[in-house]
Amino acid sequence: MKDESCGYANWTPWFFMLLIAAVIMGGFYLMMPTKTEGSNVYITNNGSAVEHNTISTTGSANEKVDPDMLTISFVVESEGTTASEAQAKNSKIAADAISALKALGVNEKDIKTVSYSVDVKRESHYICSNESGKSDCYWSDVDVGYTASHAFSVDMYNFDKSGEAIDALGKTGANVQGVSFGLKPETRQQVVSRLLCSAAGEAKKKAESIASGVGANVVKTLSISESYSYSPMPYYTKDYVAMAASAPTTPIESGSIDVSVSVSAVFEIK
């Protein structure tokens, strides 16, 4: 008689053996120690991964500093029927402005060109014609000349002369756009370096306090990064400059500049 079991009797023992093996392997997997994600960092050392227990902290510091530099932004604009005419007029006003600044003791190296351009000046005209027997109206742009624009920035260190400088620039035909107080590059570097030292110390003290709370010690700094913010302080803008033009001498009063730094560090603990 033909076996209707399709070989069931032959593969059944193998099925149960495979099932038992799977259960045993699963038990071994569950019994293996597991590692939870936390503050453990792996760093490659000579091709092998070394585990480090770490603490990440931040530190910050800020200081209000008296400015030692003032920057005046001004623009010389002129127009002409040709590009060369507009440029010639612009060069004359710019030369007068620079001479006025030098007369107040400003060093030529502290006067810098920010931008220079010569553009076509266009006017829009609304034109109506009746050539077709109807009212045909449209806008048309017409070239009427050229405009030359030369933007400057000047750094000053004698604040007592800054008001006179603004007035002198206005008399030459230059347009003062704004004034801002700042720090000389070397002064800014000194302040930032001092604050970074303080912020880094704060980050380390935080790490030591945390480590002490869990019975560990800080043994090494693994990484550290820093950032700082510093923005020159605007004194006033073009609108205020225009209003101050009628005053006998434009008054200039400096405030203080806030310099802030922050440090992020990762420390190894044991």
C-alpha atoms as a PDB file:
ATOM      1  CA  MET A   1       0.000   0.000   0.000  1.00  0.00           C
ATOM      2  CA  LYS A   2       1.328   3.493  -0.968  1.00  0.00           C
ATOM      3  CA  ASP A   3       2.453   5.764   1.869  1.00  0.00           C
ATOM      4  CA  GLU A   4       0.118   8.826   1.896  1.00  0.00           C
ATOM      5  CA  SER A   5       2.140  10.730   4.488  1.00  0.00           C
ATOM      6  CA  CYS A   6       4.405  12.316   1.743  1.00  0.00           C
ATOM      7  CA  GLY A   7       7.511  11.475   3.781  1.00  0.00           C
ATOM      8  CA  TYR A   8       6.178  13.004   7.049  1.00  0.00           C
ATOM      9  CA  ALA A   9       7.529  10.085   9.061  1.00  0.00           C
ATOM     10  CA  ASN A  10      11.044  10.785   7.670  1.00  0.00           C
ATOM     11  CA  TRP A  11      11.356  14.554   8.399  1.00  0.00           C
ATOM     12  CA  THR A  12       9.427  14.766  11.672  1.00  0.00           C
ATOM     13  CA  PRO A  13      12.421  13.845  13.920  1.00  0.00           C
ATOM     14  CA  TRP A  14      14.583  16.420  12.139  1.00  0.00           C
ATOM     15  CA  PHE A  15      11.978  19.152  12.682  1.00  0.00           C
ATOM     16  CA  PHE A  16      11.872  18.570  16.443  1.00  0.00           C
ATOM     17  CA  MET A  17      15.666  18.483  16.658  1.00  0.00           C
ATOM     18  CA  LEU A  18      15.942  21.853  14.884  1.00  0.00           C
ATOM     19  CA  LEU A  19      13.266  23.306  17.166  1.00  0.00           C
ATOM     20  CA  ILE A  20      15.093  22.167  20.308  1.00  0.00           C
ATOM     21  CA  ALA A  21      18.396  23.629  18.985  1.00  0.00           C
ATOM     22  CA  ALA A  22      16.723  26.997  18.353  1.00  0.00           C
ATOM     23  CA  VAL A  23      15.330  27.120  21.891  1.00  0.00           C
ATOM     24  CA  ILE A  24      18.758  26.308  23.370  1.00  0.00           C
ATOM     25  CA  MET A  25      20.495  29.008  21.279  1.00  0.00           C
ATOM     26  CA  GLY A  26      17.845  31.564  22.262  1.00  0.00           C
ATOM     27  CA  GLY A  27      18.452  30.769  25.927  1.00  0.00           C
ATOM     28  CA  PHE A  28      22.171  31.352  25.546  1.00  0.00           C
ATOM     29  CA  TYR A  29      21.466  34.733  23.837  1.00  0.00           C
ATOM     30  CA  LEU A  30      19.191  35.874  26.664  1.00  0.00           C
ATOM     31  CA  MET A  31      21.760  34.855  29.276  1.00  0.00           C
ATOM     32  CA  MET A  32      24.505  36.941  27.616  1.00  0.00           C
ATOM     33  CA  PRO A  33      25.326  40.271  29.421  1.00  0.00           C
ATOM     34  CA  THR A  34      23.805  43.300  27.724  1.00  0.00           C
ATOM     35  CA  LYS A  35      25.205  46.880  27.482  1.00  0.00           C
ATOM     36  CA  THR A  36      22.822  49.798  27.900  1.00  0.00           C
ATOM     37  CA  GLU A  37      23.404  53.048  26.023  1.00  0.00           C
ATOM     38  CA  GLY A  38      24.830  55.705  28.267  1.00  0.00           C
ATOM     39  CA  SER A  39      27.848  57.958  28.616  1.00  0.00           C
ATOM     40  CA  ASN A  40      30.286  55.364  27.285  1.00  0.00           C
ATOM     41  CA  VAL A  41      32.529  56.399  24.398  1.00  0.00           C
ATOM     42  CA  TYR A  42      34.705  54.098  22.295  1.00  0.00           C
ATOM     43  CA  ILE A  43      37.934  55.570  20.976  1.00  0.00           C
ATOM     44  CA  THR A  44      40.177  53.703  18.549  1.00  0.00           C
ATOM     45  CA  ASN A  45      43.653  53.207  19.962  1.00  0.00           C
ATOM     46  CA  ASN A  46      46.170  51.328  17.787  1.00  0.00           C
ATOM     47  CA  GLY A  47      43.363  49.631  15.920  1.00  0.00           C
ATOM     48  CA  SER A  48      41.416  48.519  19.002  1.00  0.00           C
ATOM     49  CA  ALA A  49      38.330  50.095  20.550  1.00  0.00           C
ATOM     50  CA  VAL A  50      38.876  51.384  24.089  1.00  0.00           C
ATOM     51  CA  GLU A  51      35.870  52.145  26.256  1.00  0.00           C
ATOM     52  CA  HIS A  52      35.739  55.423  28.207  1.00  0.00           C
ATOM     53  CA  ASN A  53      33.172  56.439  30.795  1.00  0.00           C
ATOM     54  CA  THR A  54      32.535  60.121  30.228  1.00  0.00           C
ATOM     55  CA  ILE A  55      30.834  63.244  31.514  1.00  0.00           C
ATOM     56  CA  SER A  56      29.865  66.107  29.194  1.00  0.00           C
ATOM     57  CA  THR A  57      29.637  69.618  30.630  1.00  0.00           C
ATOM     58  CA  THR A  58      29.553  73.232  29.502  1.00  0.00           C
ATOM     59  CA  GLY A  59      30.990  76.441  30.901  1.00  0.00           C
ATOM     60  CA  SER A  60      30.382  80.098  30.084  1.00  0.00           C
ATOM     61  CA  ALA A  61      31.775  83.507  30.919  1.00  0.00           C
ATOM     62  CA  ASN A  62      31.025  87.074  29.893  1.00  0.00           C
ATOM     63  CA  GLU A  63      32.459  90.504  30.492  1.00  0.00           C
ATOM     64  CA  LYS A  64      31.417  94.077  29.755  1.00  0.00           C
ATOM     65  CA  VAL A  65      34.298  95.909  28.104  1.00  0.00           C
ATOM     66  CA  ASP A  66      34.768  99.581  27.323  1.00  0.00           C
ATOM     67  CA  PRO A  67      35.193 100.045  23.549  1.00  0.00           C
ATOM     68  CA  ASP A  68      38.524 101.303  22.238  1.00  0.00           C
ATOM     69  CA  MET A  69      37.555 101.696  18.580  1.00  0.00           C
ATOM     70  CA  LEU A  70      34.830 103.583  16.724  1.00  0.00           C
ATOM     71  CA  THR A  71      33.820 102.854  13.123  1.00  0.00           C
ATOM     72  CA  ILE A  72      32.052 105.399  10.915  1.00  0.00           C
ATOM     73  CA  SER A  73      30.330 104.167   7.750  1.00  0.00           C
ATOM     74  CA  PHE A  74      29.768 106.744   5.015  1.00  0.00           C
ATOM     75  CA  VAL A  75      28.878 106.823   1.319  1.00  0.00           C
ATOM     76  CA  VAL A  76      29.777 109.243  -1.459  1.00  0.00           C
ATOM     77  CA  GLU A  77      27.157 109.401  -4.221  1.00  0.00           C
ATOM     78  CA  SER A  78      27.250 111.540  -7.350  1.00  0.00           C
ATOM     79  CA  GLU A  79      25.377 111.764 -10.635  1.00  0.00           C
ATOM     80  CA  GLY A  80      26.313 112.723 -14.174  1.00  0.00           C
ATOM     81  CA  THR A  81      25.017 112.541 -17.714  1.00  0.00           C
ATOM     82  CA  THR A  82      27.890 110.156 -18.508  1.00  0.00           C
ATOM     83  CA  ALA A  83      29.623 107.514 -16.447  1.00  0.00           C
ATOM     84  CA  SER A  84      32.937 109.392 -16.514  1.00  0.00           C
ATOM     85  CA  GLU A  85      31.264 112.587 -15.302  1.00  0.00           C
ATOM     86  CA  ALA A  86      29.631 110.773 -12.374  1.00  0.00           C
ATOM     87  CA  GLN A  87      32.965 109.143 -11.477  1.00  0.00           C
ATOM     88  CA  ALA A  88      34.874 112.428 -11.638  1.00  0.00           C
ATOM     89  CA  LYS A  89      32.404 114.130  -9.298  1.00  0.00           C
ATOM     90  CA  ASN A  90      32.542 111.150  -6.952  1.00  0.00           C
ATOM     91  CA  SER A  91      36.350 111.140  -6.867  1.00  0.00           C
ATOM     92  CA  LYS A  92      36.406 114.844  -5.929  1.00  0.00           C
ATOM     93  CA  ILE A  93      33.996 114.399  -2.989  1.00  0.00           C
ATOM     94  CA  ALA A  94      35.765 111.231  -1.820  1.00  0.00           C
ATOM     95  CA  ALA A  95      39.156 112.979  -1.892  1.00  0.00           C
ATOM     96  CA  ASP A  96      37.757 115.903   0.137  1.00  0.00           C
ATOM     97  CA  ALA A  97      36.247 113.483   2.679  1.00  0.00           C
ATOM     98  CA  ILE A  98      39.526 111.583   3.108  1.00  0.00           C
ATOM     99  CA  SER A  99      41.470 114.848   3.453  1.00  0.00           C
ATOM    100  CA  ALA A 100      39.037 116.042   6.136  1.00  0.00           C
ATOM    101  CA  LEU A 101      39.550 112.821   8.097  1.00  0.00           C
ATOM    102  CA  LYS A 102      43.341 113.015   7.808  1.00  0.00           C
ATOM    103  CA  ALA A 103      43.218 116.593   9.113  1.00  0.00           C
ATOM    104  CA  LEU A 104      41.641 115.197  12.292  1.00  0.00           C
ATOM    105  CA  GLY A 105      44.496 112.732  12.764  1.00  0.00           C
ATOM    106  CA  VAL A 106      42.969 109.671  11.120  1.00  0.00           C
ATOM    107  CA  ASN A 107      45.545 107.333   9.599  1.00  0.00           C
ATOM    108  CA  GLU A 108      44.998 106.585   5.907  1.00  0.00           C
ATOM    109  CA  LYS A 109      45.298 102.817   6.540  1.00  0.00           C
ATOM    110  CA  ASP A 110      42.206 103.052   8.764  1.00  0.00           C
ATOM    111  CA  ILE A 111      40.081 104.369   5.851  1.00  0.00           C
ATOM    112  CA  LYS A 112      38.824 101.455   3.761  1.00  0.00           C
ATOM    113  CA  THR A 113      36.671 101.076   0.652  1.00  0.00           C
ATOM    114  CA  VAL A 114      33.694  98.810   1.300  1.00  0.00           C
ATOM    115  CA  SER A 115      32.129  98.942  -2.182  1.00  0.00           C
ATOM    116  CA  TYR A 116      32.212 100.946  -5.403  1.00  0.00           C
ATOM    117  CA  SER A 117      29.723 100.953  -8.276  1.00  0.00           C
ATOM    118  CA  VAL A 118      28.600 102.941 -11.294  1.00  0.00           C
ATOM    119  CA  ASP A 119      24.999 102.315 -12.356  1.00  0.00           C
ATOM    120  CA  VAL A 120      22.685 103.609 -15.037  1.00  0.00           C
ATOM    121  CA  LYS A 121      20.074 105.963 -13.637  1.00  0.00           C
ATOM    122  CA  ARG A 122      16.599 105.275 -15.029  1.00  0.00           C
ATOM    123  CA  GLU A 123      13.281 107.034 -14.672  1.00  0.00           C
ATOM    124  CA  SER A 124       9.862 105.566 -15.396  1.00  0.00           C
ATOM    125  CA  HIS A 125       7.540 107.604 -17.599  1.00  0.00           C
ATOM    126  CA  TYR A 126       3.844 106.999 -18.207  1.00  0.00           C
ATOM    127  CA  ILE A 127       3.289 107.541 -21.910  1.00  0.00           C
ATOM    128  CA  CYS A 128      -0.048 107.818 -23.665  1.00  0.00           C
ATOM    129  CA  SER A 129      -0.507 107.938 -27.441  1.00  0.00           C
ATOM    130  CA  ASN A 130      -3.515 107.961 -29.761  1.00  0.00           C
ATOM    131  CA  GLU A 131      -1.937 106.597 -32.898  1.00  0.00           C
ATOM    132  CA  SER A 132      -4.481 103.808 -33.327  1.00  0.00           C
ATOM    133  CA  GLY A 133      -7.453 105.986 -32.594  1.00  0.00           C
ATOM    134  CA  LYS A 134      -7.555 104.538 -29.064  1.00  0.00           C
ATOM    135  CA  SER A 135      -5.943 105.558 -25.816  1.00  0.00           C
ATOM    136  CA  ASP A 136      -2.673 103.570 -25.727  1.00  0.00           C
ATOM    137  CA  CYS A 137      -0.910 104.118 -22.364  1.00  0.00           C
ATOM    138  CA  TYR A 138       2.117 102.318 -20.966  1.00  0.00           C
ATOM    139  CA  TRP A 139       5.116 102.700 -18.682  1.00  0.00           C
ATOM    140  CA  SER A 140       8.558 103.175 -20.245  1.00  0.00           C
ATOM    141  CA  ASP A 141      11.987 103.271 -18.576  1.00  0.00           C
ATOM    142  CA  VAL A 142      14.235 106.055 -19.811  1.00  0.00           C
ATOM    143  CA  ASP A 143      17.989 106.297 -19.185  1.00  0.00           C
ATOM    144  CA  VAL A 144      18.704 109.765 -17.778  1.00  0.00           C
ATOM    145  CA  GLY A 145      22.324 109.429 -16.639  1.00  0.00           C
ATOM    146  CA  TYR A 146      24.639 107.582 -14.296  1.00  0.00           C
ATOM    147  CA  THR A 147      25.117 107.277 -10.542  1.00  0.00           C
ATOM    148  CA  ALA A 148      28.485 106.566  -8.930  1.00  0.00           C
ATOM    149  CA  SER A 149      28.501 105.225  -5.357  1.00  0.00           C
ATOM    150  CA  HIS A 150      31.581 104.759  -3.150  1.00  0.00           C
ATOM    151  CA  ALA A 151      31.092 103.288   0.347  1.00  0.00           C
ATOM    152  CA  PHE A 152      33.757 103.684   3.037  1.00  0.00           C
ATOM    153  CA  SER A 153      34.414 102.645   6.618  1.00  0.00           C
ATOM    154  CA  VAL A 154      36.837 104.507   8.864  1.00  0.00           C
ATOM    155  CA  ASP A 155      38.204 103.302  12.201  1.00  0.00           C
ATOM    156  CA  MET A 156      38.954 105.906  14.853  1.00  0.00           C
ATOM    157  CA  TYR A 157      40.599 105.543  18.243  1.00  0.00           C
ATOM    158  CA  ASN A 158      40.351 109.133  19.490  1.00  0.00           C
ATOM    159  CA  PHE A 159      36.698 109.389  20.515  1.00  0.00           C
ATOM    160  CA  ASP A 160      37.063 113.113  21.216  1.00  0.00           C
ATOM    161  CA  LYS A 161      37.452 113.706  17.469  1.00  0.00           C
ATOM    162  CA  SER A 162      34.624 111.432  16.327  1.00  0.00           C
ATOM    163  CA  GLY A 163      31.906 114.102  16.451  1.00  0.00           C
ATOM    164  CA  GLU A 164      34.082 116.480  14.447  1.00  0.00           C
ATOM    165  CA  ALA A 165      34.734 113.718  11.915  1.00  0.00           C
ATOM    166  CA  ILE A 166      31.010 113.169  11.338  1.00  0.00           C
ATOM    167  CA  ASP A 167      30.443 116.905  10.862  1.00  0.00           C
ATOM    168  CA  ALA A 168      33.445 117.229   8.541  1.00  0.00           C
ATOM    169  CA  LEU A 169      32.222 114.372   6.350  1.00  0.00           C
ATOM    170  CA  GLY A 170      28.802 115.982   6.045  1.00  0.00           C
ATOM    171  CA  LYS A 171      30.352 119.265   4.916  1.00  0.00           C
ATOM    172  CA  THR A 172      32.211 117.541   2.068  1.00  0.00           C
ATOM    173  CA  GLY A 173      28.977 116.070   0.708  1.00  0.00           C
ATOM    174  CA  ALA A 174      29.461 112.532   2.044  1.00  0.00           C
ATOM    175  CA  ASN A 175      26.502 110.749   3.634  1.00  0.00           C
ATOM    176  CA  VAL A 176      27.180 109.221   7.056  1.00  0.00           C
ATOM    177  CA  GLN A 177      25.265 105.938   7.293  1.00  0.00           C
ATOM    178  CA  GLY A 178      26.001 104.935  10.864  1.00  0.00           C
ATOM    179  CA  VAL A 179      28.448 104.710  13.745  1.00  0.00           C
ATOM    180  CA  SER A 180      29.397 101.708  15.876  1.00  0.00           C
ATOM    181  CA  PHE A 181      31.717 101.099  18.820  1.00  0.00           C
ATOM    182  CA  GLY A 182      33.956  98.037  18.934  1.00  0.00           C
ATOM    183  CA  LEU A 183      37.230  96.582  20.107  1.00  0.00           C
ATOM    184  CA  LYS A 184      40.607  96.527  18.432  1.00  0.00           C
ATOM    185  CA  PRO A 185      41.480  92.998  17.207  1.00  0.00           C
ATOM    186  CA  GLU A 186      44.231  92.636  19.800  1.00  0.00           C
ATOM    187  CA  THR A 187      41.924  93.820  22.585  1.00  0.00           C
ATOM    188  CA  ARG A 188      39.188  91.406  21.520  1.00  0.00           C
ATOM    189  CA  GLN A 189      41.688  88.507  21.465  1.00  0.00           C
ATOM    190  CA  GLN A 190      42.900  89.314  24.961  1.00  0.00           C
ATOM    191  CA  VAL A 191      39.358  89.471  26.351  1.00  0.00           C
ATOM    192  CA  VAL A 192      38.255  86.261  24.612  1.00  0.00           C
ATOM    193  CA  SER A 193      41.353  84.373  25.812  1.00  0.00           C
ATOM    194  CA  ARG A 194      40.718  85.469  29.390  1.00  0.00           C
ATOM    195  CA  LEU A 195      37.067  84.435  29.233  1.00  0.00           C
ATOM    196  CA  LEU A 196      37.846  81.077  27.598  1.00  0.00           C
ATOM    197  CA  CYS A 197      40.144  80.210  30.487  1.00  0.00           C
ATOM    198  CA  SER A 198      37.371  81.021  32.956  1.00  0.00           C
ATOM    199  CA  ALA A 199      34.707  79.096  30.990  1.00  0.00           C
ATOM    200  CA  ALA A 200      36.935  76.020  30.606  1.00  0.00           C
ATOM    201  CA  GLY A 201      37.605  76.046  34.339  1.00  0.00           C
ATOM    202  CA  GLU A 202      33.875  76.172  35.040  1.00  0.00           C
ATOM    203  CA  ALA A 203      33.252  73.196  32.718  1.00  0.00           C
ATOM    204  CA  LYS A 204      35.923  71.154  34.513  1.00  0.00           C
ATOM    205  CA  LYS A 205      34.585  72.066  37.971  1.00  0.00           C
ATOM    206  CA  LYS A 206      31.125  70.904  36.923  1.00  0.00           C
ATOM    207  CA  ALA A 207      32.553  67.581  35.718  1.00  0.00           C
ATOM    208  CA  GLU A 208      34.482  67.108  38.965  1.00  0.00           C
ATOM    209  CA  SER A 209      31.385  67.824  41.059  1.00  0.00           C
ATOM    210  CA  ILE A 210      29.290  65.339  39.078  1.00  0.00           C
ATOM    211  CA  ALA A 211      32.011  62.684  39.204  1.00  0.00           C
ATOM    212  CA  SER A 212      32.432  63.166  42.959  1.00  0.00           C
ATOM    213  CA  GLY A 213      28.707  62.647  43.440  1.00  0.00           C
ATOM    214  CA  VAL A 214      28.922  59.173  41.895  1.00  0.00           C
ATOM    215  CA  GLY A 215      32.224  58.187  43.516  1.00  0.00           C
ATOM    216  CA  ALA A 216      34.411  58.739  40.459  1.00  0.00           C
ATOM    217  CA  ASN A 217      37.276  61.043  39.455  1.00  0.00           C
ATOM    218  CA  VAL A 218      37.970  63.084  36.320  1.00  0.00           C
ATOM    219  CA  VAL A 219      41.148  61.693  34.776  1.00  0.00           C
ATOM    220  CA  LYS A 220      41.370  63.199  31.307  1.00  0.00           C
ATOM    221  CA  THR A 221      39.842  65.719  28.896  1.00  0.00           C
ATOM    222  CA  LEU A 222      38.737  63.849  25.758  1.00  0.00           C
ATOM    223  CA  SER A 223      37.410  66.762  23.701  1.00  0.00           C
ATOM    224  CA  ILE A 224      36.651  70.445  24.023  1.00  0.00           C
ATOM    225  CA  SER A 225      35.116  73.082  21.756  1.00  0.00           C
ATOM    226  CA  GLU A 226      34.471  76.799  22.148  1.00  0.00           C
ATOM    227  CA  SER A 227      32.448  79.654  20.712  1.00  0.00           C
ATOM    228  CA  TYR A 228      32.141  83.342  21.445  1.00  0.00           C
ATOM    229  CA  SER A 229      29.821  86.197  20.581  1.00  0.00           C
ATOM    230  CA  TYR A 230      30.874  89.767  20.063  1.00  0.00           C
ATOM    231  CA  SER A 231      29.088  92.412  18.056  1.00  0.00           C
ATOM    232  CA  PRO A 232      30.117  96.029  17.648  1.00  0.00           C
ATOM    233  CA  MET A 233      27.568  98.237  19.379  1.00  0.00           C
ATOM    234  CA  PRO A 234      25.664 100.525  16.975  1.00  0.00           C
ATOM    235  CA  TYR A 235      25.448 104.079  18.220  1.00  0.00           C
ATOM    236  CA  TYR A 236      22.963 105.467  15.744  1.00  0.00           C
ATOM    237  CA  THR A 237      21.801 105.017  12.181  1.00  0.00           C
ATOM    238  CA  LYS A 238      21.470 107.263   9.156  1.00  0.00           C
ATOM    239  CA  ASP A 239      18.216 108.857  10.346  1.00  0.00           C
ATOM    240  CA  TYR A 240      19.756 110.003  13.612  1.00  0.00           C
ATOM    241  CA  VAL A 241      22.826 111.297  11.790  1.00  0.00           C
ATOM    242  CA  ALA A 242      20.601 113.441   9.587  1.00  0.00           C
ATOM    243  CA  MET A 243      18.846 114.924  12.624  1.00  0.00           C
ATOM    244  CA  ALA A 244      22.165 115.606  14.351  1.00  0.00           C
ATOM    245  CA  ALA A 245      23.529 117.476  11.325  1.00  0.00           C
ATOM    246  CA  SER A 246      21.982 120.737  12.529  1.00  0.00           C
ATOM    247  CA  ALA A 247      23.754 120.517  15.914  1.00  0.00           C
ATOM    248  CA  PRO A 248      26.963 122.612  16.410  1.00  0.00           C
ATOM    249  CA  THR A 249      29.000 119.427  16.971  1.00  0.00           C
ATOM    250  CA  THR A 250      27.593 115.923  16.825  1.00  0.00           C
ATOM    251  CA  PRO A 251      27.828 114.432  20.363  1.00  0.00           C
ATOM    252  CA  ILE A 252      29.285 110.925  20.673  1.00  0.00           C
ATOM    253  CA  GLU A 253      29.017 108.893  23.889  1.00  0.00           C
ATOM    254  CA  SER A 254      30.353 105.345  24.179  1.00  0.00           C
ATOM    255  CA  GLY A 255      28.765 102.576  26.241  1.00  0.00           C
ATOM    256  CA  SER A 256      30.107  99.107  26.970  1.00  0.00           C
ATOM    257  CA  ILE A 257      30.350  95.969  24.841  1.00  0.00           C
ATOM    258  CA  ASP A 258      29.258  92.550  26.107  1.00  0.00           C
ATOM    259  CA  VAL A 259      31.645  89.744  25.138  1.00  0.00           C
ATOM    260  CA  SER A 260      30.445  86.193  25.865  1.00  0.00           C
ATOM    261  CA  VAL A 261      32.117  82.803  25.429  1.00  0.00           C
ATOM    262  CA  SER A 262      30.978  79.214  25.954  1.00  0.00           C
ATOM    263  CA  VAL A 263      32.887  75.936  26.204  1.00  0.00           C
ATOM    264  CA  SER A 264      31.641  72.356  25.705  1.00  0.00           C
ATOM    265  CA  ALA A 265      33.878  69.577  27.027  1.00  0.00           C
ATOM    266  CA  VAL A 266      33.880  65.790  27.417  1.00  0.00           C
ATOM    267  CA  PHE A 267      35.857  64.322  30.312  1.00  0.00           C
ATOM    268  CA  GLU A 268      36.875  60.727  31.047  1.00  0.00           C
ATOM    269  CA  ILE A 269      36.023  59.499  34.549  1.00  0.00           C
ATOM    270  CA  LYS A 270      37.097  56.442  36.545  1.00  0.00           C
END
